[in-house]
């Protein structure tokens, strides 16, 4: 967020909003234990779409040539196009490092 020029006070506020969140369920007199959430955005939050766009902006900006990124809400699809299947596969393979780099920078890399 700082690289995007967002003032530090807003970054600290967002960090406070998203860190050490606890929740529990209460139904018909029974209450579950509290659970701490350390990842993700609160569902239904009006800030969730904005924070997601800020998070995804680096990935969308670093889109390698001949690859396509389709993003809507929290769904993202990566595709590659070429004149032949082999060329498309080559472009897709060359895009992987850029995609993983963005997620590593944000601390959320997962290799499946």
C-alpha atoms as a PDB file:
ATOM      1  CA  UNK A   1       0.000   0.000   0.000  1.00  0.00           C
ATOM      2  CA  UNK A   2       2.897   2.337   0.751  1.00  0.00           C
ATOM      3  CA  UNK A   3       4.246   1.781  -2.802  1.00  0.00           C
ATOM      4  CA  UNK A   4       0.874   2.999  -4.066  1.00  0.00           C
ATOM      5  CA  UNK A   5       1.243   6.261  -2.126  1.00  0.00           C
ATOM      6  CA  UNK A   6      -1.402   5.457   0.474  1.00  0.00           C
ATOM      7  CA  UNK A   7      -0.695   7.456   3.658  1.00  0.00           C
ATOM      8  CA  UNK A   8       0.721   5.544   6.624  1.00  0.00           C
ATOM      9  CA  UNK A   9      -2.243   6.361   8.863  1.00  0.00           C
ATOM     10  CA  UNK A  10      -4.574   4.481   6.469  1.00  0.00           C
ATOM     11  CA  UNK A  11      -2.170   1.564   6.215  1.00  0.00           C
ATOM     12  CA  UNK A  12      -2.009   1.285  10.019  1.00  0.00           C
ATOM     13  CA  UNK A  13      -5.811   1.527  10.213  1.00  0.00           C
ATOM     14  CA  UNK A  14      -6.261  -1.241   7.623  1.00  0.00           C
ATOM     15  CA  UNK A  15      -3.650  -3.413   9.387  1.00  0.00           C
ATOM     16  CA  UNK A  16      -5.489  -2.940  12.683  1.00  0.00           C
ATOM     17  CA  UNK A  17      -8.798  -3.776  11.028  1.00  0.00           C
ATOM     18  CA  UNK A  18      -7.449  -7.012   9.546  1.00  0.00           C
ATOM     19  CA  UNK A  19      -5.188  -8.300  12.322  1.00  0.00           C
ATOM     20  CA  UNK A  20      -6.140 -10.375  15.329  1.00  0.00           C
ATOM     21  CA  UNK A  21      -9.801 -10.635  14.313  1.00  0.00           C
ATOM     22  CA  UNK A  22     -11.827 -12.952  16.510  1.00  0.00           C
ATOM     23  CA  UNK A  23     -15.261 -14.435  15.943  1.00  0.00           C
ATOM     24  CA  UNK A  24     -17.604 -16.904  17.565  1.00  0.00           C
ATOM     25  CA  UNK A  25     -21.042 -18.364  16.927  1.00  0.00           C
ATOM     26  CA  UNK A  26     -23.888 -18.131  19.370  1.00  0.00           C
ATOM     27  CA  UNK A  27     -27.090 -20.057  18.712  1.00  0.00           C
ATOM     28  CA  UNK A  28     -29.909 -21.160  20.987  1.00  0.00           C
ATOM     29  CA  UNK A  29     -27.949 -20.452  24.136  1.00  0.00           C
ATOM     30  CA  UNK A  30     -24.786 -22.308  23.013  1.00  0.00           C
ATOM     31  CA  UNK A  31     -21.597 -20.429  22.193  1.00  0.00           C
ATOM     32  CA  UNK A  32     -18.606 -21.718  20.251  1.00  0.00           C
ATOM     33  CA  UNK A  33     -15.017 -21.001  21.269  1.00  0.00           C
ATOM     34  CA  UNK A  34     -13.504 -17.843  19.798  1.00  0.00           C
ATOM     35  CA  UNK A  35     -11.448 -18.326  16.668  1.00  0.00           C
ATOM     36  CA  UNK A  36      -8.712 -15.937  15.506  1.00  0.00           C
ATOM     37  CA  UNK A  37      -8.560 -15.048  11.814  1.00  0.00           C
ATOM     38  CA  UNK A  38      -5.204 -13.939  10.439  1.00  0.00           C
ATOM     39  CA  UNK A  39      -5.905 -14.013   6.688  1.00  0.00           C
ATOM     40  CA  UNK A  40      -8.590 -12.925   4.303  1.00  0.00           C
ATOM     41  CA  UNK A  41     -11.027 -10.073   4.432  1.00  0.00           C
ATOM     42  CA  UNK A  42     -14.210  -9.898   6.462  1.00  0.00           C
ATOM     43  CA  UNK A  43     -17.020 -11.127   4.217  1.00  0.00           C
ATOM     44  CA  UNK A  44     -19.575  -8.441   3.516  1.00  0.00           C
ATOM     45  CA  UNK A  45     -17.210  -5.650   4.487  1.00  0.00           C
ATOM     46  CA  UNK A  46     -17.607  -2.551   2.330  1.00  0.00           C
ATOM     47  CA  UNK A  47     -13.801  -2.201   2.343  1.00  0.00           C
ATOM     48  CA  UNK A  48     -13.118  -5.735   1.094  1.00  0.00           C
ATOM     49  CA  UNK A  49     -13.469  -4.907  -2.642  1.00  0.00           C
ATOM     50  CA  UNK A  50     -11.189  -1.867  -2.338  1.00  0.00           C
ATOM     51  CA  UNK A  51      -8.535  -3.742  -0.364  1.00  0.00           C
ATOM     52  CA  UNK A  52      -8.691  -6.624  -2.868  1.00  0.00           C
ATOM     53  CA  UNK A  53      -8.120  -4.219  -5.776  1.00  0.00           C
ATOM     54  CA  UNK A  54      -5.121  -2.674  -4.024  1.00  0.00           C
ATOM     55  CA  UNK A  55      -3.716  -6.161  -3.388  1.00  0.00           C
ATOM     56  CA  UNK A  56      -4.276  -7.326  -6.979  1.00  0.00           C
ATOM     57  CA  UNK A  57      -3.016  -4.135  -8.633  1.00  0.00           C
ATOM     58  CA  UNK A  58       0.636  -5.282  -8.716  1.00  0.00           C
ATOM     59  CA  UNK A  59      -0.327  -8.540 -10.367  1.00  0.00           C
ATOM     60  CA  UNK A  60      -2.494  -6.852 -12.966  1.00  0.00           C
ATOM     61  CA  UNK A  61       0.233  -4.275 -13.686  1.00  0.00           C
ATOM     62  CA  UNK A  62       2.956  -6.922 -14.073  1.00  0.00           C
ATOM     63  CA  UNK A  63       0.975  -8.894 -16.642  1.00  0.00           C
ATOM     64  CA  UNK A  64       3.563 -10.309 -19.072  1.00  0.00           C
ATOM     65  CA  UNK A  65       3.142  -9.831 -22.812  1.00  0.00           C
ATOM     66  CA  UNK A  66       0.847 -12.367 -24.520  1.00  0.00           C
ATOM     67  CA  UNK A  67      -0.835 -13.320 -21.259  1.00  0.00           C
ATOM     68  CA  UNK A  68      -4.323 -12.343 -20.222  1.00  0.00           C
ATOM     69  CA  UNK A  69      -5.631 -11.671 -16.729  1.00  0.00           C
ATOM     70  CA  UNK A  70      -9.342 -11.727 -16.047  1.00  0.00           C
ATOM     71  CA  UNK A  71     -10.235 -10.476 -12.580  1.00  0.00           C
ATOM     72  CA  UNK A  72     -13.604  -9.904 -10.993  1.00  0.00           C
ATOM     73  CA  UNK A  73     -14.138  -9.493  -7.271  1.00  0.00           C
ATOM     74  CA  UNK A  74     -11.940 -12.174  -5.685  1.00  0.00           C
ATOM     75  CA  UNK A  75     -11.755 -14.461  -8.727  1.00  0.00           C
ATOM     76  CA  UNK A  76      -8.738 -14.271 -11.005  1.00  0.00           C
ATOM     77  CA  UNK A  77      -7.917 -16.285 -14.122  1.00  0.00           C
ATOM     78  CA  UNK A  78      -4.665 -16.241 -16.059  1.00  0.00           C
ATOM     79  CA  UNK A  79      -4.523 -17.237 -19.715  1.00  0.00           C
ATOM     80  CA  UNK A  80      -1.988 -17.084 -22.522  1.00  0.00           C
ATOM     81  CA  UNK A  81      -2.548 -16.682 -26.224  1.00  0.00           C
ATOM     82  CA  UNK A  82      -0.402 -17.604 -29.181  1.00  0.00           C
ATOM     83  CA  UNK A  83      -0.525 -18.671 -32.808  1.00  0.00           C
ATOM     84  CA  UNK A  84      -0.092 -22.341 -31.867  1.00  0.00           C
ATOM     85  CA  UNK A  85      -0.688 -24.488 -28.818  1.00  0.00           C
ATOM     86  CA  UNK A  86       3.073 -24.758 -28.284  1.00  0.00           C
ATOM     87  CA  UNK A  87       3.466 -20.980 -28.423  1.00  0.00           C
ATOM     88  CA  UNK A  88       0.581 -20.516 -25.948  1.00  0.00           C
ATOM     89  CA  UNK A  89       2.110 -23.052 -23.568  1.00  0.00           C
ATOM     90  CA  UNK A  90       5.451 -21.268 -23.808  1.00  0.00           C
ATOM     91  CA  UNK A  91       3.877 -17.876 -23.007  1.00  0.00           C
ATOM     92  CA  UNK A  92       1.960 -19.410 -20.077  1.00  0.00           C
ATOM     93  CA  UNK A  93       5.147 -20.981 -18.696  1.00  0.00           C
ATOM     94  CA  UNK A  94       7.056 -17.699 -19.002  1.00  0.00           C
ATOM     95  CA  UNK A  95       4.287 -15.864 -17.090  1.00  0.00           C
ATOM     96  CA  UNK A  96       4.489 -18.086 -14.008  1.00  0.00           C
ATOM     97  CA  UNK A  97       7.544 -16.385 -12.417  1.00  0.00           C
ATOM     98  CA  UNK A  98       5.861 -12.954 -12.621  1.00  0.00           C
ATOM     99  CA  UNK A  99       2.678 -14.275 -11.070  1.00  0.00           C
ATOM    100  CA  UNK A 100       4.487 -16.047  -8.226  1.00  0.00           C
ATOM    101  CA  UNK A 101       6.736 -13.016  -7.639  1.00  0.00           C
ATOM    102  CA  UNK A 102       3.733 -10.797  -6.914  1.00  0.00           C
ATOM    103  CA  UNK A 103       2.269 -13.282  -4.454  1.00  0.00           C
ATOM    104  CA  UNK A 104       5.658 -13.760  -2.763  1.00  0.00           C
ATOM    105  CA  UNK A 105       5.995  -9.971  -2.391  1.00  0.00           C
ATOM    106  CA  UNK A 106       2.643  -9.931  -0.636  1.00  0.00           C
ATOM    107  CA  UNK A 107       3.572 -12.926   1.506  1.00  0.00           C
ATOM    108  CA  UNK A 108       0.897 -15.253   0.164  1.00  0.00           C
ATOM    109  CA  UNK A 109       2.699 -17.541  -2.300  1.00  0.00           C
ATOM    110  CA  UNK A 110       1.187 -20.975  -2.634  1.00  0.00           C
ATOM    111  CA  UNK A 111       2.548 -23.518  -5.072  1.00  0.00           C
ATOM    112  CA  UNK A 112       0.063 -26.214  -6.057  1.00  0.00           C
END
